[in-house]
Amino acid sequence: MSLVADMLQAMTDEVAANFQLTIDCAAPDRLARFWAAALGYVLEPPPAGFTNWDDYWREVGVPEEELGVGADCIVDPAGHKPRIWFQQVPETKTIKNRLHIDILASSGRKLPLETRRKQVDAEAQRLAGLGATIVRVLHTEGLDHYGAAMQDPEGNEFDIA
């Protein structure tokens, strides 16, 4: 094999890192349920042999005072997308997120801007019905882009495009 072929083979043998997204919050169950509905995810079921996560965590020795947060993880039902963990923290959100989720609700630029606007607006209204807040429309006259800036029930920013 040539050096180039060896390098190409090495690149195809590499696998992207497996990761989960962790979101700090005050109320894990509330955000887990919101984001599961927003993303088409499901609440992560407890391990086999346990009827709920608190029973599992008790079994592995987690102190009682750390239990009772409800659902705190969501997963892609097809198993392809990252797990999201809503980690309960004592401090409240005070500044703008440095990382946020973009929900791709429209069909992209292959459709007319007006069609995409309707798709984005419909998704923004659906998520507002689940507890999100519409902050502003993301549109500049003359640009082929339309989106909505929103906040989840705890004020974390996300966009719909």
Protein backbone atom coordinates (compact mmCIF):
# COMPACT_ATOMS: atom_id res chain seq x y z
CA MET A 1 0.00 0.00 0.00
CA SER A 2 1.14 3.54 -0.68
CA LEU A 3 1.53 6.16 2.02
CA VAL A 4 -1.58 7.99 0.76
CA ALA A 5 -3.61 4.76 0.80
CA ASP A 6 -2.37 4.03 4.34
CA MET A 7 -3.40 7.52 5.47
CA LEU A 8 -6.85 7.21 3.86
CA GLN A 9 -7.38 3.82 5.49
CA ALA A 10 -6.36 5.23 8.89
CA MET A 11 -8.84 8.09 8.47
CA THR A 12 -11.71 5.74 7.62
CA ASP A 13 -10.83 3.48 10.57
CA GLU A 14 -11.21 6.37 13.02
CA VAL A 15 -14.58 6.78 14.66
CA ALA A 16 -15.99 10.07 15.91
CA ALA A 17 -15.86 10.46 19.67
CA ASN A 18 -18.95 9.33 21.53
CA PHE A 19 -20.32 12.12 23.74
CA GLN A 20 -23.31 13.31 25.68
CA LEU A 21 -24.49 16.88 26.00
CA THR A 22 -24.84 18.02 29.62
CA ILE A 23 -27.08 20.96 30.47
CA ASP A 24 -26.91 22.49 33.95
CA CYS A 25 -30.34 23.32 35.33
CA ALA A 26 -32.51 23.75 38.41
CA ALA A 27 -35.31 21.33 37.46
CA PRO A 28 -34.02 18.31 35.48
CA ASP A 29 -37.39 16.60 35.07
CA ARG A 30 -39.03 19.71 33.61
CA LEU A 31 -36.23 20.34 31.11
CA ALA A 32 -35.86 16.66 30.19
CA ARG A 33 -39.54 16.48 29.32
CA PHE A 34 -39.43 19.77 27.38
CA TRP A 35 -36.36 18.80 25.32
CA ALA A 36 -37.61 15.24 24.72
CA ALA A 37 -40.75 16.73 23.15
CA ALA A 38 -38.77 19.41 21.29
CA LEU A 39 -36.25 17.00 19.76
CA GLY A 40 -38.32 13.83 19.33
CA TYR A 41 -36.26 12.10 22.02
CA VAL A 42 -37.57 9.89 24.84
CA LEU A 43 -36.87 9.84 28.55
CA GLU A 44 -34.06 7.36 29.13
CA PRO A 45 -35.50 4.19 30.65
CA PRO A 46 -33.89 2.84 33.85
CA PRO A 47 -31.54 -0.14 33.59
CA ALA A 48 -33.05 -3.62 33.30
CA GLY A 49 -34.41 -4.88 36.61
CA PHE A 50 -35.30 -1.42 37.95
CA THR A 51 -38.66 0.31 37.75
CA ASN A 52 -37.15 3.80 38.13
CA TRP A 53 -33.81 5.58 38.26
CA ASP A 54 -33.98 6.32 42.00
CA ASP A 55 -34.12 2.58 42.74
CA TYR A 56 -31.08 2.04 40.51
CA TRP A 57 -29.12 4.91 42.09
CA ARG A 58 -29.95 3.61 45.59
CA GLU A 59 -28.62 0.20 44.57
CA VAL A 60 -25.28 1.69 43.50
CA GLY A 61 -24.98 3.75 46.70
CA VAL A 62 -26.11 7.27 45.81
CA PRO A 63 -27.20 9.09 48.99
CA GLU A 64 -30.94 9.61 49.48
CA GLU A 65 -30.59 13.43 49.52
CA GLU A 66 -29.31 13.33 45.92
CA LEU A 67 -32.33 11.38 44.62
CA GLY A 68 -35.78 12.49 43.57
CA VAL A 69 -34.94 14.83 40.67
CA GLY A 70 -37.19 12.83 38.33
CA ALA A 71 -36.22 12.21 34.72
CA ASP A 72 -32.84 13.75 33.98
CA CYS A 73 -31.66 12.08 30.76
CA ILE A 74 -33.13 11.85 27.30
CA VAL A 75 -32.05 9.67 24.40
CA ASP A 76 -32.69 9.37 20.69
CA PRO A 77 -35.12 6.45 20.32
CA ALA A 78 -33.18 5.28 17.26
CA GLY A 79 -29.91 5.39 19.21
CA HIS A 80 -28.04 7.55 16.71
CA LYS A 81 -27.91 10.99 18.32
CA PRO A 82 -26.22 11.99 21.57
CA ARG A 83 -27.68 11.40 25.00
CA ILE A 84 -28.58 14.60 26.86
CA TRP A 85 -28.20 14.80 30.64
CA PHE A 86 -29.88 17.56 32.63
CA GLN A 87 -27.63 18.02 35.63
CA GLN A 88 -29.15 19.68 38.66
CA VAL A 89 -26.95 22.50 39.98
CA PRO A 90 -27.59 24.98 42.80
CA GLU A 91 -26.67 28.16 40.91
CA THR A 92 -29.08 29.82 38.48
CA LYS A 93 -28.36 30.81 34.91
CA THR A 94 -26.98 34.35 34.88
CA ILE A 95 -25.34 34.94 31.49
CA LYS A 96 -25.87 34.07 27.83
CA ASN A 97 -25.09 30.49 26.83
CA ARG A 98 -21.77 29.94 25.06
CA LEU A 99 -23.20 26.81 23.43
CA HIS A 100 -26.77 26.30 22.30
CA ILE A 101 -28.96 23.94 20.32
CA ASP A 102 -30.25 24.80 16.85
CA ILE A 103 -33.42 22.96 15.87
CA LEU A 104 -33.54 22.52 12.10
CA ALA A 105 -37.28 22.69 11.55
CA SER A 106 -37.35 23.92 7.97
CA SER A 107 -36.42 21.99 4.87
CA GLY A 108 -33.44 24.23 4.19
CA ARG A 109 -32.75 26.45 1.23
CA LYS A 110 -34.15 24.00 -1.30
CA LEU A 111 -37.60 25.49 -0.51
CA PRO A 112 -38.73 29.11 -0.89
CA LEU A 113 -38.13 31.44 2.04
CA GLU A 114 -41.87 31.86 2.66
CA THR A 115 -42.31 28.09 3.03
CA ARG A 116 -39.39 27.90 5.45
CA ARG A 117 -40.81 30.85 7.41
CA LYS A 118 -44.08 28.95 7.89
CA GLN A 119 -42.20 25.82 9.04
CA VAL A 120 -40.09 27.78 11.54
CA ASP A 121 -43.07 29.75 12.86
CA ALA A 122 -45.11 26.55 13.33
CA GLU A 123 -42.28 24.90 15.29
CA ALA A 124 -41.76 28.04 17.39
CA GLN A 125 -45.46 28.06 18.28
CA ARG A 126 -45.38 24.33 19.12
CA LEU A 127 -42.41 24.80 21.45
CA ALA A 128 -43.95 27.92 23.01
CA GLY A 129 -46.92 25.70 23.84
CA LEU A 130 -44.50 23.38 25.68
CA GLY A 131 -43.12 26.22 27.80
CA ALA A 132 -40.48 27.92 25.64
CA THR A 133 -40.39 31.67 25.02
CA ILE A 134 -40.05 33.27 21.60
CA VAL A 135 -37.39 35.98 21.97
CA ARG A 136 -37.18 37.37 18.44
CA VAL A 137 -37.41 36.54 14.75
CA LEU A 138 -34.06 36.08 12.99
CA HIS A 139 -34.58 37.66 9.58
CA THR A 140 -32.86 40.44 7.68
CA GLU A 141 -34.51 41.76 4.53
CA GLY A 142 -32.58 40.58 1.47
CA LEU A 143 -30.98 37.55 3.19
CA ASP A 144 -32.15 34.05 2.36
CA HIS A 145 -32.48 33.09 6.04
CA TYR A 146 -35.33 32.93 8.51
CA GLY A 147 -35.23 31.68 12.07
CA ALA A 148 -36.46 32.23 15.59
CA ALA A 149 -34.43 32.83 18.75
CA MET A 150 -36.05 31.18 21.75
CA GLN A 151 -35.48 30.27 25.38
CA ASP A 152 -36.35 26.97 27.04
CA PRO A 153 -38.33 26.94 30.32
CA GLU A 154 -35.16 27.82 32.31
CA GLY A 155 -34.00 30.58 29.98
CA ASN A 156 -31.40 28.63 27.97
CA GLU A 157 -31.14 30.07 24.46
CA PHE A 158 -31.78 28.01 21.34
CA ASP A 159 -32.64 28.78 17.74
CA ILE A 160 -35.01 27.34 15.19
CA ALA A 161 -34.06 27.53 11.52
